[in-house]
Amino acid sequence: MIAPPPMSLAAFEEHLRRAGLKITPEKALELHPYVVYLEAMAARMRAGFTYADEPAHIFVPKRGGPA
């Protein structure tokens, strides 16, 4: 499998800006080499899961239980 090209510094800074993060250009330049790791983690998050894969039952505590 061929890996996609890494995100450019300009694209990374745009992602930071859209996320509302106020990071100096120096700090963005320092963090940029780690983008490949962030992209890999993001790709693994909830990959391939649908709502049907969620558990059918959830825990609902009884009201008026011990305080």
Protein backbone atom coordinates (compact mmCIF):
# COMPACT_ATOMS: atom_id res chain seq x y z
CA MET A 1 0.00 0.00 0.00
CA ILE A 2 1.34 3.40 -0.96
CA ALA A 3 1.14 5.99 1.80
CA PRO A 4 -0.46 9.31 0.92
CA PRO A 5 1.87 12.29 0.85
CA PRO A 6 2.24 13.99 4.22
CA MET A 7 0.20 17.10 4.95
CA SER A 8 1.98 20.29 3.98
CA LEU A 9 2.86 22.86 6.62
CA ALA A 10 0.37 25.31 5.10
CA ALA A 11 -2.44 22.72 5.25
CA PHE A 12 -1.48 21.88 8.85
CA GLU A 13 -1.60 25.53 9.85
CA GLU A 14 -5.01 25.82 8.16
CA HIS A 15 -6.30 22.82 10.15
CA LEU A 16 -5.04 24.44 13.36
CA ARG A 17 -6.72 27.72 12.45
CA ARG A 18 -10.07 26.05 11.61
CA ALA A 19 -9.91 24.15 14.91
CA GLY A 20 -9.59 27.48 16.71
CA LEU A 21 -6.10 26.76 18.01
CA LYS A 22 -3.94 29.84 18.32
CA ILE A 23 -0.44 28.48 17.81
CA THR A 24 2.56 30.55 16.79
CA PRO A 25 4.18 29.74 13.43
CA GLU A 26 7.27 28.55 15.31
CA LYS A 27 5.22 26.07 17.36
CA ALA A 28 3.36 24.88 14.24
CA LEU A 29 6.71 24.26 12.55
CA GLU A 30 7.83 22.27 15.61
CA LEU A 31 4.63 20.16 15.64
CA HIS A 32 4.44 19.60 11.87
CA PRO A 33 6.73 16.51 11.75
CA TYR A 34 4.26 14.68 14.01
CA VAL A 35 1.32 15.12 11.61
CA VAL A 36 1.89 11.63 10.16
CA TYR A 37 1.27 10.12 13.60
CA LEU A 38 -1.85 12.25 14.14
CA GLU A 39 -3.23 11.23 10.75
CA ALA A 40 -2.59 7.55 11.53
CA MET A 41 -4.42 7.83 14.87
CA ALA A 42 -7.33 9.66 13.25
CA ALA A 43 -7.59 6.96 10.58
CA ARG A 44 -7.93 4.26 13.26
CA MET A 45 -10.64 6.08 15.19
CA ARG A 46 -14.05 4.51 14.59
CA ALA A 47 -12.87 3.17 11.27
CA GLY A 48 -15.57 1.01 9.72
CA PHE A 49 -18.08 1.21 12.55
CA THR A 50 -21.73 2.09 12.05
CA TYR A 51 -24.54 2.86 14.47
CA ALA A 52 -25.61 -0.77 14.17
CA ASP A 53 -22.28 -1.76 15.76
CA GLU A 54 -23.11 0.11 18.97
CA PRO A 55 -24.23 -1.93 21.98
CA ALA A 56 -27.96 -2.61 22.09
CA HIS A 57 -28.24 -1.99 25.82
CA ILE A 58 -26.95 0.77 28.03
CA PHE A 59 -26.79 1.18 31.79
CA VAL A 60 -29.52 3.44 33.15
CA PRO A 61 -29.26 4.04 36.92
CA LYS A 62 -32.43 3.88 38.99
CA ARG A 63 -33.73 7.15 40.32
CA GLY A 64 -33.86 7.62 44.05
CA GLY A 65 -30.93 5.34 44.74
CA PRO A 66 -28.55 5.76 47.66
CA ALA A 67 -27.14 9.24 48.00
